[in-house]
PDB file of all heavy atoms in Angstrom:
ATOM      1  N   SER A   1      92.192 137.297 -27.635  1.00  0.00           N
ATOM      2  CA  SER A   1      93.035 136.097 -27.594  1.00  0.00           C
ATOM      3  C   SER A   1      93.484 135.678 -28.980  1.00  0.00           C
ATOM      4  O   SER A   1      94.239 134.712 -29.122  1.00  0.00           O
ATOM      5  CB  SER A   1      92.270 134.943 -26.930  1.00  0.00           C
ATOM      6  OG  SER A   1      91.094 134.637 -27.663  1.00  0.00           O
ATOM      7  N   VAL A   2      93.018 136.392 -30.015  1.00  0.00           N
ATOM      8  CA  VAL A   2      93.458 136.140 -31.387  1.00  0.00           C
ATOM      9  C   VAL A   2      93.951 137.447 -31.984  1.00  0.00           C
ATOM     10  O   VAL A   2      93.684 138.529 -31.454  1.00  0.00           O
ATOM     11  CB  VAL A   2      92.315 135.559 -32.257  1.00  0.00           C
ATOM     12  CG1 VAL A   2      91.835 134.226 -31.694  1.00  0.00           C
ATOM     13  CG2 VAL A   2      91.153 136.538 -32.366  1.00  0.00           C
ATOM     14  N   ASP A   3      94.671 137.348 -33.080  1.00  0.00           N
ATOM     15  CA  ASP A   3      95.194 138.546 -33.738  1.00  0.00           C
ATOM     16  C   ASP A   3      94.039 139.403 -34.255  1.00  0.00           C
ATOM     17  O   ASP A   3      93.150 138.903 -34.957  1.00  0.00           O
ATOM     18  CB  ASP A   3      96.102 138.118 -34.900  1.00  0.00           C
ATOM     19  CG  ASP A   3      96.942 139.269 -35.442  1.00  0.00           C
ATOM     20  OD1 ASP A   3      96.434 140.408 -35.494  1.00  0.00           O
ATOM     21  OD2 ASP A   3      98.093 139.025 -35.826  1.00  0.00           O
ATOM     22  N   GLU A   4      94.058 140.705 -33.917  1.00  0.00           N
ATOM     23  CA  GLU A   4      92.999 141.595 -34.393  1.00  0.00           C
ATOM     24  C   GLU A   4      92.906 141.607 -35.913  1.00  0.00           C
ATOM     25  O   GLU A   4      91.822 141.812 -36.471  1.00  0.00           O
ATOM     26  CB  GLU A   4      93.239 143.021 -33.883  1.00  0.00           C
ATOM     27  CG  GLU A   4      92.760 143.244 -32.479  1.00  0.00           C
ATOM     28  CD  GLU A   4      92.893 144.696 -32.061  1.00  0.00           C
ATOM     29  OE1 GLU A   4      93.240 145.546 -32.920  1.00  0.00           O
ATOM     30  OE2 GLU A   4      92.645 144.995 -30.882  1.00  0.00           O
ATOM     31  N   LYS A   5      94.023 141.407 -36.591  1.00  0.00           N
ATOM     32  CA  LYS A   5      94.018 141.362 -38.049  1.00  0.00           C
ATOM     33  C   LYS A   5      93.079 140.277 -38.549  1.00  0.00           C
ATOM     34  O   LYS A   5      92.361 140.463 -39.539  1.00  0.00           O
ATOM     35  CB  LYS A   5      95.434 141.124 -38.571  1.00  0.00           C
ATOM     36  CG  LYS A   5      95.537 141.038 -40.087  1.00  0.00           C
ATOM     37  CD  LYS A   5      96.963 140.749 -40.539  1.00  0.00           C
ATOM     38  CE  LYS A   5      97.048 140.592 -42.051  1.00  0.00           C
ATOM     39  NZ  LYS A   5      98.434 140.250 -42.486  1.00  0.00           N
ATOM     40  N   ASN A   6      93.040 139.158 -37.825  1.00  0.00           N
ATOM     41  CA  ASN A   6      92.166 138.061 -38.235  1.00  0.00           C
ATOM     42  C   ASN A   6      90.689 138.425 -38.048  1.00  0.00           C
ATOM     43  O   ASN A   6      89.831 138.043 -38.851  1.00  0.00           O
ATOM     44  CB  ASN A   6      92.494 136.798 -37.439  1.00  0.00           C
ATOM     45  CG  ASN A   6      93.885 136.268 -37.745  1.00  0.00           C
ATOM     46  OD1 ASN A   6      94.459 136.558 -38.796  1.00  0.00           O
ATOM     47  ND2 ASN A   6      94.449 135.496 -36.820  1.00  0.00           N
ATOM     48  N   ILE A   7      90.399 139.177 -36.985  1.00  0.00           N
ATOM     49  CA  ILE A   7      89.019 139.632 -36.774  1.00  0.00           C
ATOM     50  C   ILE A   7      88.622 140.590 -37.889  1.00  0.00           C
ATOM     51  O   ILE A   7      87.524 140.499 -38.450  1.00  0.00           O
ATOM     52  CB  ILE A   7      88.871 140.309 -35.399  1.00  0.00           C
ATOM     53  CG1 ILE A   7      89.217 139.328 -34.277  1.00  0.00           C
ATOM     54  CG2 ILE A   7      87.453 140.842 -35.220  1.00  0.00           C
ATOM     55  CD1 ILE A   7      89.175 139.944 -32.892  1.00  0.00           C
ATOM     56  N   SER A   8      89.508 141.513 -38.222  1.00  0.00           N
ATOM     57  CA  SER A   8      89.228 142.468 -39.296  1.00  0.00           C
ATOM     58  C   SER A   8      88.983 141.756 -40.614  1.00  0.00           C
ATOM     59  O   SER A   8      88.059 142.103 -41.371  1.00  0.00           O
ATOM     60  CB  SER A   8      90.394 143.453 -39.445  1.00  0.00           C
ATOM     61  OG  SER A   8      90.539 144.248 -38.299  1.00  0.00           O
ATOM     62  N   GLU A   9      89.810 140.753 -40.913  1.00  0.00           N
ATOM     63  CA  GLU A   9      89.651 140.001 -42.163  1.00  0.00           C
ATOM     64  C   GLU A   9      88.339 139.232 -42.178  1.00  0.00           C
ATOM     65  O   GLU A   9      87.674 139.134 -43.216  1.00  0.00           O
ATOM     66  CB  GLU A   9      90.829 139.058 -42.351  1.00  0.00           C
ATOM     67  CG  GLU A   9      92.136 139.796 -42.669  1.00  0.00           C
ATOM     68  CD  GLU A   9      93.334 138.860 -42.755  1.00  0.00           C
ATOM     69  OE1 GLU A   9      93.187 137.675 -42.349  1.00  0.00           O
ATOM     70  OE2 GLU A   9      94.406 139.303 -43.201  1.00  0.00           O
ATOM     71  N   MET A  10      87.934 138.701 -41.015  1.00  0.00           N
ATOM     72  CA  MET A  10      86.652 137.999 -40.924  1.00  0.00           C
ATOM     73  C   MET A  10      85.498 138.944 -41.253  1.00  0.00           C
ATOM     74  O   MET A  10      84.589 138.603 -42.027  1.00  0.00           O
ATOM     75  CB  MET A  10      86.471 137.422 -39.521  1.00  0.00           C
ATOM     76  CG  MET A  10      85.093 136.808 -39.276  1.00  0.00           C
ATOM     77  SD  MET A  10      84.714 136.578 -37.522  1.00  0.00           S
ATOM     78  CE  MET A  10      84.485 138.279 -36.968  1.00  0.00           C
ATOM     79  N   LEU A  11      85.538 140.166 -40.699  1.00  0.00           N
ATOM     80  CA  LEU A  11      84.469 141.133 -40.955  1.00  0.00           C
ATOM     81  C   LEU A  11      84.488 141.600 -42.407  1.00  0.00           C
ATOM     82  O   LEU A  11      83.441 141.757 -43.034  1.00  0.00           O
ATOM     83  CB  LEU A  11      84.606 142.324 -40.008  1.00  0.00           C
ATOM     84  CG  LEU A  11      84.380 142.024 -38.524  1.00  0.00           C
ATOM     85  CD1 LEU A  11      84.674 143.260 -37.687  1.00  0.00           C
ATOM     86  CD2 LEU A  11      82.956 141.545 -38.267  1.00  0.00           C
ATOM     87  N   ALA A  12      85.679 141.814 -42.945  1.00  0.00           N
ATOM     88  CA  ALA A  12      85.786 142.303 -44.328  1.00  0.00           C
ATOM     89  C   ALA A  12      85.338 141.264 -45.344  1.00  0.00           C
ATOM     90  O   ALA A  12      84.889 141.613 -46.439  1.00  0.00           O
ATOM     91  CB  ALA A  12      87.228 142.723 -44.610  1.00  0.00           C
ATOM     92  N   SER A  13      85.424 139.986 -44.976  1.00  0.00           N
ATOM     93  CA  SER A  13      85.056 138.921 -45.920  1.00  0.00           C
ATOM     94  C   SER A  13      83.552 138.852 -46.175  1.00  0.00           C
ATOM     95  O   SER A  13      83.116 138.257 -47.173  1.00  0.00           O
ATOM     96  CB  SER A  13      85.518 137.562 -45.384  1.00  0.00           C
ATOM     97  OG  SER A  13      84.706 137.139 -44.295  1.00  0.00           O
ATOM     98  N   SER A  14      82.752 139.407 -45.280  1.00  0.00           N
ATOM     99  CA  SER A  14      81.279 139.407 -45.371  1.00  0.00           C
ATOM    100  C   SER A  14      80.680 138.009 -45.260  1.00  0.00           C
ATOM    101  O   SER A  14      79.495 137.820 -45.542  1.00  0.00           O
ATOM    102  CB  SER A  14      80.799 140.060 -46.679  1.00  0.00           C
ATOM    103  OG  SER A  14      81.250 141.389 -46.767  1.00  0.00           O
ATOM    104  N   GLU A  15      81.468 137.029 -44.835  1.00  0.00           N
ATOM    105  CA  GLU A  15      80.943 135.666 -44.755  1.00  0.00           C
ATOM    106  C   GLU A  15      80.041 135.470 -43.539  1.00  0.00           C
ATOM    107  O   GLU A  15      79.094 134.686 -43.580  1.00  0.00           O
ATOM    108  CB  GLU A  15      82.104 134.671 -44.719  1.00  0.00           C
ATOM    109  CG  GLU A  15      82.894 134.620 -46.026  1.00  0.00           C
ATOM    110  CD  GLU A  15      84.054 133.653 -45.973  1.00  0.00           C
ATOM    111  OE1 GLU A  15      84.224 132.981 -44.917  1.00  0.00           O
ATOM    112  OE2 GLU A  15      84.802 133.558 -46.959  1.00  0.00           O
ATOM    113  N   ILE A  16      80.339 136.171 -42.440  1.00  0.00           N
ATOM    114  CA  ILE A  16      79.533 136.052 -41.231  1.00  0.00           C
ATOM    115  C   ILE A  16      78.697 137.313 -41.021  1.00  0.00           C
ATOM    116  O   ILE A  16      77.507 137.239 -40.713  1.00  0.00           O
ATOM    117  CB  ILE A  16      80.423 135.776 -39.997  1.00  0.00           C
ATOM    118  CG1 ILE A  16      81.202 134.475 -40.195  1.00  0.00           C
ATOM    119  CG2 ILE A  16      79.571 135.706 -38.726  1.00  0.00           C
ATOM    120  CD1 ILE A  16      82.195 134.184 -39.087  1.00  0.00           C
ATOM    121  N   PHE A  17      79.306 138.453 -41.194  1.00  0.00           N
ATOM    122  CA  PHE A  17      78.622 139.741 -41.083  1.00  0.00           C
ATOM    123  C   PHE A  17      78.819 140.517 -42.388  1.00  0.00           C
ATOM    124  O   PHE A  17      79.948 140.822 -42.758  1.00  0.00           O
ATOM    125  CB  PHE A  17      79.181 140.567 -39.917  1.00  0.00           C
ATOM    126  CG  PHE A  17      79.037 139.917 -38.571  1.00  0.00           C
ATOM    127  CD1 PHE A  17      80.109 139.231 -38.004  1.00  0.00           C
ATOM    128  CD2 PHE A  17      77.842 139.979 -37.880  1.00  0.00           C
ATOM    129  CE1 PHE A  17      79.983 138.630 -36.766  1.00  0.00           C
ATOM    130  CE2 PHE A  17      77.702 139.376 -36.639  1.00  0.00           C
ATOM    131  CZ  PHE A  17      78.774 138.693 -36.078  1.00  0.00           C
ATOM    132  N   ASP A  18      77.719 140.798 -43.067  1.00  0.00           N
ATOM    133  CA  ASP A  18      77.773 141.540 -44.325  1.00  0.00           C
ATOM    134  C   ASP A  18      77.214 142.932 -44.080  1.00  0.00           C
ATOM    135  O   ASP A  18      76.015 143.107 -43.844  1.00  0.00           O
ATOM    136  CB  ASP A  18      76.959 140.812 -45.397  1.00  0.00           C
ATOM    137  CG  ASP A  18      77.104 141.439 -46.777  1.00  0.00           C
ATOM    138  OD1 ASP A  18      77.550 142.610 -46.859  1.00  0.00           O
ATOM    139  OD2 ASP A  18      76.765 140.777 -47.773  1.00  0.00           O
ATOM    140  N   PHE A  19      78.081 143.948 -44.139  1.00  0.00           N
ATOM    141  CA  PHE A  19      77.701 145.309 -43.780  1.00  0.00           C
ATOM    142  C   PHE A  19      77.068 146.098 -44.922  1.00  0.00           C
ATOM    143  O   PHE A  19      76.848 147.295 -44.767  1.00  0.00           O
ATOM    144  CB  PHE A  19      78.923 146.059 -43.236  1.00  0.00           C
ATOM    145  CG  PHE A  19      79.225 145.758 -41.789  1.00  0.00           C
ATOM    146  CD1 PHE A  19      79.968 144.647 -41.438  1.00  0.00           C
ATOM    147  CD2 PHE A  19      78.768 146.593 -40.784  1.00  0.00           C
ATOM    148  CE1 PHE A  19      80.257 144.369 -40.102  1.00  0.00           C
ATOM    149  CE2 PHE A  19      79.047 146.333 -39.456  1.00  0.00           C
ATOM    150  CZ  PHE A  19      79.792 145.212 -39.108  1.00  0.00           C
ATOM    151  N   LYS A  20      76.784 145.464 -46.059  1.00  0.00           N
ATOM    152  CA  LYS A  20      76.015 146.170 -47.077  1.00  0.00           C
ATOM    153  C   LYS A  20      74.640 146.519 -46.505  1.00  0.00           C
ATOM    154  O   LYS A  20      74.027 145.699 -45.814  1.00  0.00           O
ATOM    155  CB  LYS A  20      75.845 145.307 -48.327  1.00  0.00           C
ATOM    156  CG  LYS A  20      77.106 145.116 -49.141  1.00  0.00           C
ATOM    157  CD  LYS A  20      76.812 144.285 -50.385  1.00  0.00           C
ATOM    158  CE  LYS A  20      78.048 144.086 -51.238  1.00  0.00           C
ATOM    159  NZ  LYS A  20      77.754 143.266 -52.439  1.00  0.00           N
ATOM    160  N   PRO A  21      74.116 147.722 -46.783  1.00  0.00           N
ATOM    161  CA  PRO A  21      72.844 148.132 -46.179  1.00  0.00           C
ATOM    162  C   PRO A  21      71.707 147.139 -46.385  1.00  0.00           C
ATOM    163  O   PRO A  21      70.973 146.829 -45.440  1.00  0.00           O
ATOM    164  CB  PRO A  21      72.552 149.471 -46.858  1.00  0.00           C
ATOM    165  CG  PRO A  21      73.909 150.026 -47.170  1.00  0.00           C
ATOM    166  CD  PRO A  21      74.741 148.833 -47.543  1.00  0.00           C
ATOM    167  N   SER A  22      71.544 146.633 -47.606  1.00  0.00           N
ATOM    168  CA  SER A  22      70.423 145.719 -47.861  1.00  0.00           C
ATOM    169  C   SER A  22      70.557 144.445 -47.037  1.00  0.00           C
ATOM    170  O   SER A  22      69.555 143.901 -46.546  1.00  0.00           O
ATOM    171  CB  SER A  22      70.327 145.377 -49.342  1.00  0.00           C
ATOM    172  OG  SER A  22      71.515 144.736 -49.795  1.00  0.00           O
ATOM    173  N   ASN A  23      71.795 143.967 -46.857  1.00  0.00           N
ATOM    174  CA  ASN A  23      71.985 142.726 -46.112  1.00  0.00           C
ATOM    175  C   ASN A  23      71.751 142.925 -44.623  1.00  0.00           C
ATOM    176  O   ASN A  23      71.076 142.120 -43.981  1.00  0.00           O
ATOM    177  CB  ASN A  23      73.388 142.169 -46.324  1.00  0.00           C
ATOM    178  CG  ASN A  23      73.583 140.881 -45.541  1.00  0.00           C
ATOM    179  OD1 ASN A  23      73.142 139.818 -45.953  1.00  0.00           O
ATOM    180  ND2 ASN A  23      74.212 140.986 -44.373  1.00  0.00           N
ATOM    181  N   LEU A  24      72.324 143.978 -44.072  1.00  0.00           N
ATOM    182  CA  LEU A  24      72.164 144.142 -42.626  1.00  0.00           C
ATOM    183  C   LEU A  24      70.708 144.416 -42.260  1.00  0.00           C
ATOM    184  O   LEU A  24      70.233 144.010 -41.186  1.00  0.00           O
ATOM    185  CB  LEU A  24      73.108 145.212 -42.079  1.00  0.00           C
ATOM    186  CG  LEU A  24      72.983 146.669 -42.542  1.00  0.00           C
ATOM    187  CD1 LEU A  24      71.992 147.436 -41.697  1.00  0.00           C
ATOM    188  CD2 LEU A  24      74.358 147.357 -42.465  1.00  0.00           C
ATOM    189  N   ILE A  25      69.982 145.088 -43.141  1.00  0.00           N
ATOM    190  CA  ILE A  25      68.552 145.315 -42.913  1.00  0.00           C
ATOM    191  C   ILE A  25      67.811 143.979 -42.898  1.00  0.00           C
ATOM    192  O   ILE A  25      66.966 143.728 -42.025  1.00  0.00           O
ATOM    193  CB  ILE A  25      67.974 146.259 -43.991  1.00  0.00           C
ATOM    194  CG1 ILE A  25      68.479 147.687 -43.762  1.00  0.00           C
ATOM    195  CG2 ILE A  25      66.441 146.231 -43.972  1.00  0.00           C
ATOM    196  CD1 ILE A  25      68.172 148.630 -44.909  1.00  0.00           C
ATOM    197  N   ASP A  26      68.142 143.092 -43.848  1.00  0.00           N
ATOM    198  CA  ASP A  26      67.509 141.773 -43.896  1.00  0.00           C
ATOM    199  C   ASP A  26      67.936 140.903 -42.719  1.00  0.00           C
ATOM    200  O   ASP A  26      67.117 140.205 -42.109  1.00  0.00           O
ATOM    201  CB  ASP A  26      67.859 141.069 -45.206  1.00  0.00           C
ATOM    202  CG  ASP A  26      67.158 141.683 -46.401  1.00  0.00           C
ATOM    203  OD1 ASP A  26      66.172 142.422 -46.204  1.00  0.00           O
ATOM    204  OD2 ASP A  26      67.606 141.429 -47.539  1.00  0.00           O
ATOM    205  N   ASP A  27      69.231 140.943 -42.407  1.00  0.00           N
ATOM    206  CA  ASP A  27      69.781 140.088 -41.360  1.00  0.00           C
ATOM    207  C   ASP A  27      69.112 140.372 -40.016  1.00  0.00           C
ATOM    208  O   ASP A  27      68.837 139.448 -39.235  1.00  0.00           O
ATOM    209  CB  ASP A  27      71.292 140.315 -41.261  1.00  0.00           C
ATOM    210  CG  ASP A  27      72.039 139.091 -40.756  1.00  0.00           C
ATOM    211  OD1 ASP A  27      71.391 138.085 -40.472  1.00  0.00           O
ATOM    212  OD2 ASP A  27      73.279 139.156 -40.636  1.00  0.00           O
ATOM    213  N   LEU A  28      68.843 141.628 -39.735  1.00  0.00           N
ATOM    214  CA  LEU A  28      68.225 142.010 -38.469  1.00  0.00           C
ATOM    215  C   LEU A  28      66.714 142.214 -38.580  1.00  0.00           C
ATOM    216  O   LEU A  28      66.070 142.580 -37.597  1.00  0.00           O
ATOM    217  CB  LEU A  28      68.878 143.295 -37.940  1.00  0.00           C
ATOM    218  CG  LEU A  28      70.374 143.217 -37.629  1.00  0.00           C
ATOM    219  CD1 LEU A  28      70.885 144.555 -37.114  1.00  0.00           C
ATOM    220  CD2 LEU A  28      70.662 142.113 -36.606  1.00  0.00           C
ATOM    221  N   GLN A  29      66.167 141.987 -39.775  1.00  0.00           N
ATOM    222  CA  GLN A  29      64.725 142.154 -39.999  1.00  0.00           C
ATOM    223  C   GLN A  29      64.244 143.537 -39.548  1.00  0.00           C
ATOM    224  O   GLN A  29      63.206 143.681 -38.864  1.00  0.00           O
ATOM    225  CB  GLN A  29      63.946 141.055 -39.288  1.00  0.00           C
ATOM    226  CG  GLN A  29      64.102 139.677 -39.933  1.00  0.00           C
ATOM    227  CD  GLN A  29      63.468 139.624 -41.334  1.00  0.00           C
ATOM    228  OE1 GLN A  29      62.260 139.671 -41.484  1.00  0.00           O
ATOM    229  NE2 GLN A  29      64.302 139.545 -42.360  1.00  0.00           N
ATOM    230  N   LEU A  30      64.974 144.559 -39.955  1.00  0.00           N
ATOM    231  CA  LEU A  30      64.691 145.922 -39.494  1.00  0.00           C
ATOM    232  C   LEU A  30      63.449 146.523 -40.142  1.00  0.00           C
ATOM    233  O   LEU A  30      62.907 147.505 -39.630  1.00  0.00           O
ATOM    234  CB  LEU A  30      65.908 146.813 -39.760  1.00  0.00           C
ATOM    235  CG  LEU A  30      67.185 146.435 -39.005  1.00  0.00           C
ATOM    236  CD1 LEU A  30      68.313 147.405 -39.342  1.00  0.00           C
ATOM    237  CD2 LEU A  30      66.946 146.391 -37.498  1.00  0.00           C
TER     238      LEU A  30
END
């Protein structure tokens, strides 16, 4: 229901989801 470009920009900003390995490991307590 929103522009996919906006979703991509949200993910790339790392403000909600940060895909750096150290962060995602911490975020999910892996």
